[in-house]
Amino acid sequence: MNKQYADYLLEKTKEDYNLIAKDYTRTRAFIPEDIKQLAEYILPGEKILDSGCASGRFFPLVKERKGDYVGIDLSEKLVEIARNYYPQAEFQTANALSLPFPDDSFDKVYSISVLHNIPSQNFQLRYLRETARVLKPKGLLILRVWDLWRRKEGWKLLFKYSLLKLIGMSKLNFYDVFMPWKNYQGKTVTMRYFHCFTEKGLERLIKRSGFKIKKIWRAGKDPRANLYVIAEKSL
């Protein structure tokens, strides 16, 4: 994928989440058990970055564990919603590829369902390296991406977009897809970009980014199968 198209997809992702912000928040009103379990890594007094915070639903878990929370998101609309929901928390509109924080600022960075929306390996590496930069030495990245290889909808889209790539009708990379976002009436509002990570591919990418993987695993099942990583800053 050339940089110009990757830039376009990154801007499209921002516009998509601004467009669906209210409906997206409605569908994420609950906190699933896997996210609650990931929050158990937080220790009292630690500074936590929620990278790609959306409407801020992770904040109450950090507060409950007495962490110091900062949330950032590319979507202005989602940050606005987060601030309305949790006025006591710190939220910023920011690009996670160029974080507005000094080196060694955070004890842990949470990246929950974000990396799969970042186009091109170059931008994915940049996202992870920026995450490493703002982590303290031995700080942890706690990451989740959708395991679209184990989701029925993912398999169908992978077949479709792989075929389009093979016949020269797609600018996407292999393992990239567009996934429809449908409103409550079932009408497609927009097509969101996703990268379909394999476990080995994700592991290689994170190791290249300055992290030592402590744990990587797959859990859940269709339609909520995910890949998880706990990685320690090693540079």
C-alpha atoms as a PDB file:
ATOM      1  CA  MET A   1       0.000   0.000   0.000  1.00  0.00           C
ATOM      2  CA  ASN A   2       1.455   3.375  -0.953  1.00  0.00           C
ATOM      3  CA  LYS A   3       1.685   6.157   1.630  1.00  0.00           C
ATOM      4  CA  GLN A   4      -0.852   8.382  -0.121  1.00  0.00           C
ATOM      5  CA  TYR A   5      -3.539   5.708   0.109  1.00  0.00           C
ATOM      6  CA  ALA A   6      -2.587   4.888   3.705  1.00  0.00           C
ATOM      7  CA  ASP A   7      -2.919   8.602   4.569  1.00  0.00           C
ATOM      8  CA  TYR A   8      -6.350   8.600   2.944  1.00  0.00           C
ATOM      9  CA  LEU A   9      -7.447   5.534   4.938  1.00  0.00           C
ATOM     10  CA  LEU A  10      -6.225   7.067   8.199  1.00  0.00           C
ATOM     11  CA  GLU A  11      -8.242  10.225   7.546  1.00  0.00           C
ATOM     12  CA  LYS A  12     -11.232   8.141   6.463  1.00  0.00           C
ATOM     13  CA  THR A  13     -11.060   6.207   9.749  1.00  0.00           C
ATOM     14  CA  LYS A  14     -11.217   9.480  11.677  1.00  0.00           C
ATOM     15  CA  GLU A  15     -14.177  10.667   9.604  1.00  0.00           C
ATOM     16  CA  ASP A  16     -15.941   7.313   9.962  1.00  0.00           C
ATOM     17  CA  TYR A  17     -15.759   7.362  13.765  1.00  0.00           C
ATOM     18  CA  ASN A  18     -16.916  10.972  13.860  1.00  0.00           C
ATOM     19  CA  LEU A  19     -19.854   9.968  11.658  1.00  0.00           C
ATOM     20  CA  ILE A  20     -20.913   6.986  13.793  1.00  0.00           C
ATOM     21  CA  ALA A  21     -19.804   8.332  17.195  1.00  0.00           C
ATOM     22  CA  LYS A  22     -23.223   8.322  18.873  1.00  0.00           C
ATOM     23  CA  ASP A  23     -24.268   4.946  17.520  1.00  0.00           C
ATOM     24  CA  TYR A  24     -20.837   3.460  18.252  1.00  0.00           C
ATOM     25  CA  THR A  25     -21.085   4.647  21.856  1.00  0.00           C
ATOM     26  CA  ARG A  26     -24.549   3.116  22.175  1.00  0.00           C
ATOM     27  CA  THR A  27     -23.257  -0.287  21.076  1.00  0.00           C
ATOM     28  CA  ARG A  28     -20.349  -0.073  23.556  1.00  0.00           C
ATOM     29  CA  ALA A  29     -22.405   0.880  26.605  1.00  0.00           C
ATOM     30  CA  PHE A  30     -21.368  -2.285  28.440  1.00  0.00           C
ATOM     31  CA  ILE A  31     -17.868  -3.376  29.486  1.00  0.00           C
ATOM     32  CA  PRO A  32     -17.150  -6.965  28.409  1.00  0.00           C
ATOM     33  CA  GLU A  33     -15.453  -9.410  30.755  1.00  0.00           C
ATOM     34  CA  ASP A  34     -12.227  -9.563  28.762  1.00  0.00           C
ATOM     35  CA  ILE A  35     -11.653  -5.816  29.190  1.00  0.00           C
ATOM     36  CA  LYS A  36     -12.364  -6.113  32.916  1.00  0.00           C
ATOM     37  CA  GLN A  37      -9.746  -8.851  33.112  1.00  0.00           C
ATOM     38  CA  LEU A  38      -7.179  -6.727  31.241  1.00  0.00           C
ATOM     39  CA  ALA A  39      -7.754  -3.924  33.761  1.00  0.00           C
ATOM     40  CA  GLU A  40      -6.467  -6.215  36.519  1.00  0.00           C
ATOM     41  CA  TYR A  41      -2.906  -5.399  35.421  1.00  0.00           C
ATOM     42  CA  ILE A  42      -3.328  -1.837  36.760  1.00  0.00           C
ATOM     43  CA  LEU A  43      -1.679  -1.079  40.100  1.00  0.00           C
ATOM     44  CA  PRO A  44      -2.656   1.830  42.398  1.00  0.00           C
ATOM     45  CA  GLY A  45      -0.947   5.093  41.478  1.00  0.00           C
ATOM     46  CA  GLU A  46       0.141   4.005  38.001  1.00  0.00           C
ATOM     47  CA  LYS A  47      -0.253   6.407  35.089  1.00  0.00           C
ATOM     48  CA  ILE A  48      -2.355   4.798  32.377  1.00  0.00           C
ATOM     49  CA  LEU A  49      -2.801   5.846  28.745  1.00  0.00           C
ATOM     50  CA  ASP A  50      -5.968   4.635  27.043  1.00  0.00           C
ATOM     51  CA  SER A  51      -4.838   4.864  23.406  1.00  0.00           C
ATOM     52  CA  GLY A  52      -7.931   5.013  21.225  1.00  0.00           C
ATOM     53  CA  CYS A  53     -10.262   5.619  24.154  1.00  0.00           C
ATOM     54  CA  ALA A  54     -13.458   6.163  22.093  1.00  0.00           C
ATOM     55  CA  SER A  55     -16.198   7.276  24.518  1.00  0.00           C
ATOM     56  CA  GLY A  56     -14.067   6.528  27.581  1.00  0.00           C
ATOM     57  CA  ARG A  57     -15.692   3.380  28.908  1.00  0.00           C
ATOM     58  CA  PHE A  58     -12.331   2.114  30.219  1.00  0.00           C
ATOM     59  CA  PHE A  59     -12.001   5.073  32.612  1.00  0.00           C
ATOM     60  CA  PRO A  60     -14.220   3.680  35.422  1.00  0.00           C
ATOM     61  CA  LEU A  61     -12.079   0.527  35.555  1.00  0.00           C
ATOM     62  CA  VAL A  62      -8.885   2.575  35.909  1.00  0.00           C
ATOM     63  CA  LYS A  63     -10.506   4.763  38.568  1.00  0.00           C
ATOM     64  CA  GLU A  64     -11.689   1.678  40.464  1.00  0.00           C
ATOM     65  CA  ARG A  65      -8.110   0.406  40.586  1.00  0.00           C
ATOM     66  CA  LYS A  66      -6.821   3.851  41.653  1.00  0.00           C
ATOM     67  CA  GLY A  67      -4.858   4.527  38.480  1.00  0.00           C
ATOM     68  CA  ASP A  68      -4.142   7.947  36.956  1.00  0.00           C
ATOM     69  CA  TYR A  69      -6.021   7.956  33.624  1.00  0.00           C
ATOM     70  CA  VAL A  70      -5.416   9.779  30.330  1.00  0.00           C
ATOM     71  CA  GLY A  71      -7.509   8.970  27.252  1.00  0.00           C
ATOM     72  CA  ILE A  72      -6.758   9.958  23.652  1.00  0.00           C
ATOM     73  CA  ASP A  73      -8.631   9.397  20.422  1.00  0.00           C
ATOM     74  CA  LEU A  74      -8.413  10.607  16.829  1.00  0.00           C
ATOM     75  CA  SER A  75     -12.178  11.258  16.685  1.00  0.00           C
ATOM     76  CA  GLU A  76     -13.204  14.652  18.042  1.00  0.00           C
ATOM     77  CA  LYS A  77     -16.803  13.487  18.371  1.00  0.00           C
ATOM     78  CA  LEU A  78     -15.898  10.479  20.501  1.00  0.00           C
ATOM     79  CA  VAL A  79     -13.677  12.619  22.744  1.00  0.00           C
ATOM     80  CA  GLU A  80     -16.537  15.079  23.154  1.00  0.00           C
ATOM     81  CA  ILE A  81     -18.828  12.234  24.259  1.00  0.00           C
ATOM     82  CA  ALA A  82     -16.166  10.906  26.645  1.00  0.00           C
ATOM     83  CA  ARG A  83     -15.769  14.328  28.267  1.00  0.00           C
ATOM     84  CA  ASN A  84     -19.527  14.612  28.740  1.00  0.00           C
ATOM     85  CA  TYR A  85     -19.737  11.149  30.292  1.00  0.00           C
ATOM     86  CA  TYR A  86     -16.677  11.508  32.531  1.00  0.00           C
ATOM     87  CA  PRO A  87     -15.900  15.202  33.168  1.00  0.00           C
ATOM     88  CA  GLN A  88     -13.484  14.276  35.962  1.00  0.00           C
ATOM     89  CA  ALA A  89     -11.179  12.404  33.541  1.00  0.00           C
ATOM     90  CA  GLU A  90      -8.534  13.766  31.171  1.00  0.00           C
ATOM     91  CA  PHE A  91      -9.299  13.272  27.481  1.00  0.00           C
ATOM     92  CA  GLN A  92      -7.484  14.667  24.453  1.00  0.00           C
ATOM     93  CA  THR A  93      -8.041  14.584  20.719  1.00  0.00           C
ATOM     94  CA  ALA A  94      -4.711  13.288  19.444  1.00  0.00           C
ATOM     95  CA  ASN A  95      -3.117  11.230  16.701  1.00  0.00           C
ATOM     96  CA  ALA A  96      -1.581   8.111  18.269  1.00  0.00           C
ATOM     97  CA  LEU A  97       1.076   8.088  15.528  1.00  0.00           C
ATOM     98  CA  SER A  98       2.492  11.279  17.050  1.00  0.00           C
ATOM     99  CA  LEU A  99       1.598  11.378  20.741  1.00  0.00           C
ATOM    100  CA  PRO A 100       1.625  14.727  22.613  1.00  0.00           C
ATOM    101  CA  PHE A 101       3.498  13.319  25.629  1.00  0.00           C
ATOM    102  CA  PRO A 102       7.166  13.248  26.699  1.00  0.00           C
ATOM    103  CA  ASP A 103       9.237  10.076  26.677  1.00  0.00           C
ATOM    104  CA  ASP A 104       8.712   7.666  29.585  1.00  0.00           C
ATOM    105  CA  SER A 105       5.366   9.172  30.665  1.00  0.00           C
ATOM    106  CA  PHE A 106       3.201   6.123  31.378  1.00  0.00           C
ATOM    107  CA  ASP A 107       3.419   2.894  33.364  1.00  0.00           C
ATOM    108  CA  LYS A 108       0.998   1.101  31.052  1.00  0.00           C
ATOM    109  CA  VAL A 109      -0.642   1.794  27.702  1.00  0.00           C
ATOM    110  CA  TYR A 110      -3.921   0.100  26.809  1.00  0.00           C
ATOM    111  CA  SER A 111      -4.706  -0.339  23.114  1.00  0.00           C
ATOM    112  CA  ILE A 112      -8.160  -1.896  22.909  1.00  0.00           C
ATOM    113  CA  SER A 113      -9.406  -2.597  19.375  1.00  0.00           C
ATOM    114  CA  VAL A 114      -7.289   0.129  17.758  1.00  0.00           C
ATOM    115  CA  LEU A 115      -4.343  -1.367  15.857  1.00  0.00           C
ATOM    116  CA  HIS A 116      -6.577  -3.222  13.395  1.00  0.00           C
ATOM    117  CA  ASN A 117      -7.924   0.177  12.201  1.00  0.00           C
ATOM    118  CA  ILE A 118      -4.448   1.509  11.331  1.00  0.00           C
ATOM    119  CA  PRO A 119      -3.551   1.085   7.630  1.00  0.00           C
ATOM    120  CA  SER A 120      -0.173  -0.158   6.351  1.00  0.00           C
ATOM    121  CA  GLN A 121       2.623  -1.847   8.242  1.00  0.00           C
ATOM    122  CA  ASN A 122       4.583   1.425   8.297  1.00  0.00           C
ATOM    123  CA  PHE A 123       1.820   3.207  10.206  1.00  0.00           C
ATOM    124  CA  GLN A 124       1.258   0.189  12.454  1.00  0.00           C
ATOM    125  CA  LEU A 125       4.954   0.190  13.376  1.00  0.00           C
ATOM    126  CA  ARG A 126       4.857   3.932  13.938  1.00  0.00           C
ATOM    127  CA  TYR A 127       1.880   3.532  16.273  1.00  0.00           C
ATOM    128  CA  LEU A 128       3.648   0.843  18.302  1.00  0.00           C
ATOM    129  CA  ARG A 129       6.965   2.707  18.424  1.00  0.00           C
ATOM    130  CA  GLU A 130       5.233   5.856  19.648  1.00  0.00           C
ATOM    131  CA  THR A 131       3.568   3.726  22.301  1.00  0.00           C
ATOM    132  CA  ALA A 132       6.975   2.385  23.330  1.00  0.00           C
ATOM    133  CA  ARG A 133       8.406   5.900  23.423  1.00  0.00           C
ATOM    134  CA  VAL A 134       5.874   7.183  25.970  1.00  0.00           C
ATOM    135  CA  LEU A 135       6.103   4.084  28.163  1.00  0.00           C
ATOM    136  CA  LYS A 136       8.465   4.071  31.121  1.00  0.00           C
ATOM    137  CA  PRO A 137      11.302   1.505  31.101  1.00  0.00           C
ATOM    138  CA  LYS A 138       9.772  -1.957  31.635  1.00  0.00           C
ATOM    139  CA  GLY A 139       6.320  -0.421  31.075  1.00  0.00           C
ATOM    140  CA  LEU A 140       3.607  -2.636  29.593  1.00  0.00           C
ATOM    141  CA  LEU A 141       1.572  -2.469  26.412  1.00  0.00           C
ATOM    142  CA  ILE A 142      -1.744  -4.274  26.861  1.00  0.00           C
ATOM    143  CA  LEU A 143      -3.329  -4.764  23.473  1.00  0.00           C
ATOM    144  CA  ARG A 144      -6.394  -6.329  21.920  1.00  0.00           C
ATOM    145  CA  VAL A 145      -7.307  -6.675  18.237  1.00  0.00           C
ATOM    146  CA  TRP A 146     -10.161  -8.508  16.587  1.00  0.00           C
ATOM    147  CA  ASP A 147      -9.327 -12.040  15.471  1.00  0.00           C
ATOM    148  CA  LEU A 148     -11.159 -11.787  12.170  1.00  0.00           C
ATOM    149  CA  TRP A 149      -9.782 -15.142  11.022  1.00  0.00           C
ATOM    150  CA  ARG A 150     -12.058 -16.756  13.624  1.00  0.00           C
ATOM    151  CA  ARG A 151     -15.066 -14.555  12.898  1.00  0.00           C
ATOM    152  CA  LYS A 152     -17.494 -15.706  10.210  1.00  0.00           C
ATOM    153  CA  GLU A 153     -17.926 -12.192   8.845  1.00  0.00           C
ATOM    154  CA  GLY A 154     -14.150 -11.789   8.673  1.00  0.00           C
ATOM    155  CA  TRP A 155     -13.641 -14.911   6.583  1.00  0.00           C
ATOM    156  CA  LYS A 156     -16.205 -13.751   4.024  1.00  0.00           C
ATOM    157  CA  LEU A 157     -14.587 -10.336   3.716  1.00  0.00           C
ATOM    158  CA  LEU A 158     -11.075 -11.768   3.525  1.00  0.00           C
ATOM    159  CA  PHE A 159     -12.111 -13.950   0.606  1.00  0.00           C
ATOM    160  CA  LYS A 160     -13.794 -11.022  -1.165  1.00  0.00           C
ATOM    161  CA  TYR A 161     -10.937  -8.537  -0.801  1.00  0.00           C
ATOM    162  CA  SER A 162      -8.216 -11.097  -1.517  1.00  0.00           C
ATOM    163  CA  LEU A 163      -9.953 -11.876  -4.798  1.00  0.00           C
ATOM    164  CA  LEU A 164     -10.254  -8.171  -5.643  1.00  0.00           C
ATOM    165  CA  LYS A 165      -6.540  -7.730  -4.896  1.00  0.00           C
ATOM    166  CA  LEU A 166      -5.572 -10.665  -7.097  1.00  0.00           C
ATOM    167  CA  ILE A 167      -7.475  -9.273 -10.091  1.00  0.00           C
ATOM    168  CA  GLY A 168      -6.077  -5.763  -9.579  1.00  0.00           C
ATOM    169  CA  MET A 169      -9.285  -4.102  -8.371  1.00  0.00           C
ATOM    170  CA  SER A 170      -8.220  -3.154  -4.829  1.00  0.00           C
ATOM    171  CA  LYS A 171      -5.585  -0.750  -3.467  1.00  0.00           C
ATOM    172  CA  LEU A 172      -5.669  -2.548  -0.125  1.00  0.00           C
ATOM    173  CA  ASN A 173      -2.954  -4.907   1.061  1.00  0.00           C
ATOM    174  CA  PHE A 174      -3.671  -8.596   1.496  1.00  0.00           C
ATOM    175  CA  TYR A 175      -5.436  -9.217   4.841  1.00  0.00           C
ATOM    176  CA  ASP A 176      -7.082  -5.758   4.601  1.00  0.00           C
ATOM    177  CA  VAL A 177     -10.851  -5.396   4.342  1.00  0.00           C
ATOM    178  CA  PHE A 178     -13.638  -2.864   4.512  1.00  0.00           C
ATOM    179  CA  MET A 179     -16.352  -3.795   6.990  1.00  0.00           C
ATOM    180  CA  PRO A 180     -19.851  -2.243   6.896  1.00  0.00           C
ATOM    181  CA  TRP A 181     -21.160  -0.249   9.847  1.00  0.00           C
ATOM    182  CA  LYS A 182     -24.943  -0.604   9.903  1.00  0.00           C
ATOM    183  CA  ASN A 183     -27.418   1.526  11.826  1.00  0.00           C
ATOM    184  CA  TYR A 184     -30.302   0.171  13.900  1.00  0.00           C
ATOM    185  CA  GLN A 185     -32.395  -0.084  10.718  1.00  0.00           C
ATOM    186  CA  GLY A 186     -29.793  -2.323   9.097  1.00  0.00           C
ATOM    187  CA  LYS A 187     -28.687   0.337   6.589  1.00  0.00           C
ATOM    188  CA  THR A 188     -24.964   0.608   5.830  1.00  0.00           C
ATOM    189  CA  VAL A 189     -23.718   4.011   6.998  1.00  0.00           C
ATOM    190  CA  THR A 190     -20.038   3.621   6.091  1.00  0.00           C
ATOM    191  CA  MET A 191     -17.378   1.012   5.338  1.00  0.00           C
ATOM    192  CA  ARG A 192     -14.641   0.888   8.003  1.00  0.00           C
ATOM    193  CA  TYR A 193     -11.077  -0.181   7.277  1.00  0.00           C
ATOM    194  CA  PHE A 194      -9.686  -3.227   9.147  1.00  0.00           C
ATOM    195  CA  HIS A 195      -6.462  -5.208   9.002  1.00  0.00           C
ATOM    196  CA  CYS A 196      -6.926  -8.898   9.784  1.00  0.00           C
ATOM    197  CA  PHE A 197      -3.984  -9.865  11.993  1.00  0.00           C
ATOM    198  CA  THR A 198      -2.699 -13.394  12.337  1.00  0.00           C
ATOM    199  CA  GLU A 199      -1.107 -14.330  15.650  1.00  0.00           C
ATOM    200  CA  LYS A 200       2.346 -14.736  14.080  1.00  0.00           C
ATOM    201  CA  GLY A 201       2.035 -11.515  12.108  1.00  0.00           C
ATOM    202  CA  LEU A 202       1.055  -9.561  15.194  1.00  0.00           C
ATOM    203  CA  GLU A 203       3.886 -11.115  17.195  1.00  0.00           C
ATOM    204  CA  ARG A 204       6.484 -10.163  14.559  1.00  0.00           C
ATOM    205  CA  LEU A 205       5.180  -6.596  14.322  1.00  0.00           C
ATOM    206  CA  ILE A 206       5.272  -6.006  18.069  1.00  0.00           C
ATOM    207  CA  LYS A 207       8.794  -7.435  18.420  1.00  0.00           C
ATOM    208  CA  ARG A 208      10.004  -5.076  15.668  1.00  0.00           C
ATOM    209  CA  SER A 209       8.566  -2.128  17.595  1.00  0.00           C
ATOM    210  CA  GLY A 210      10.768  -2.307  20.676  1.00  0.00           C
ATOM    211  CA  PHE A 211       8.768  -4.682  22.826  1.00  0.00           C
ATOM    212  CA  LYS A 212       9.399  -8.020  24.482  1.00  0.00           C
ATOM    213  CA  ILE A 213       6.274 -10.163  24.370  1.00  0.00           C
ATOM    214  CA  LYS A 214       5.380 -11.582  27.758  1.00  0.00           C
ATOM    215  CA  LYS A 215       2.135 -13.233  26.690  1.00  0.00           C
ATOM    216  CA  ILE A 216       0.083 -13.599  23.503  1.00  0.00           C
ATOM    217  CA  TRP A 217      -3.159 -15.517  23.233  1.00  0.00           C
ATOM    218  CA  ARG A 218      -6.454 -15.956  21.416  1.00  0.00           C
ATOM    219  CA  ALA A 219      -9.770 -16.022  23.224  1.00  0.00           C
ATOM    220  CA  GLY A 220     -13.484 -15.664  22.647  1.00  0.00           C
ATOM    221  CA  LYS A 221     -15.481 -17.035  19.751  1.00  0.00           C
ATOM    222  CA  ASP A 222     -17.491 -15.786  16.824  1.00  0.00           C
ATOM    223  CA  PRO A 223     -18.572 -12.991  16.756  1.00  0.00           C
ATOM    224  CA  ARG A 224     -16.241 -11.795  19.556  1.00  0.00           C
ATOM    225  CA  ALA A 225     -12.989 -13.676  18.920  1.00  0.00           C
ATOM    226  CA  ASN A 226      -9.933 -11.555  19.774  1.00  0.00           C
ATOM    227  CA  LEU A 227      -6.131 -11.615  19.890  1.00  0.00           C
ATOM    228  CA  TYR A 228      -4.410 -10.304  23.044  1.00  0.00           C
ATOM    229  CA  VAL A 229      -0.850  -9.254  23.793  1.00  0.00           C
ATOM    230  CA  ILE A 230       0.991  -8.247  26.945  1.00  0.00           C
ATOM    231  CA  ALA A 231       4.354  -6.740  25.938  1.00  0.00           C
ATOM    232  CA  GLU A 232       7.127  -5.029  27.866  1.00  0.00           C
ATOM    233  CA  LYS A 233       9.125  -2.061  26.627  1.00  0.00           C
ATOM    234  CA  SER A 234      12.582  -3.431  25.919  1.00  0.00           C
ATOM    235  CA  LEU A 235      14.450  -0.412  24.500  1.00  0.00           C
END
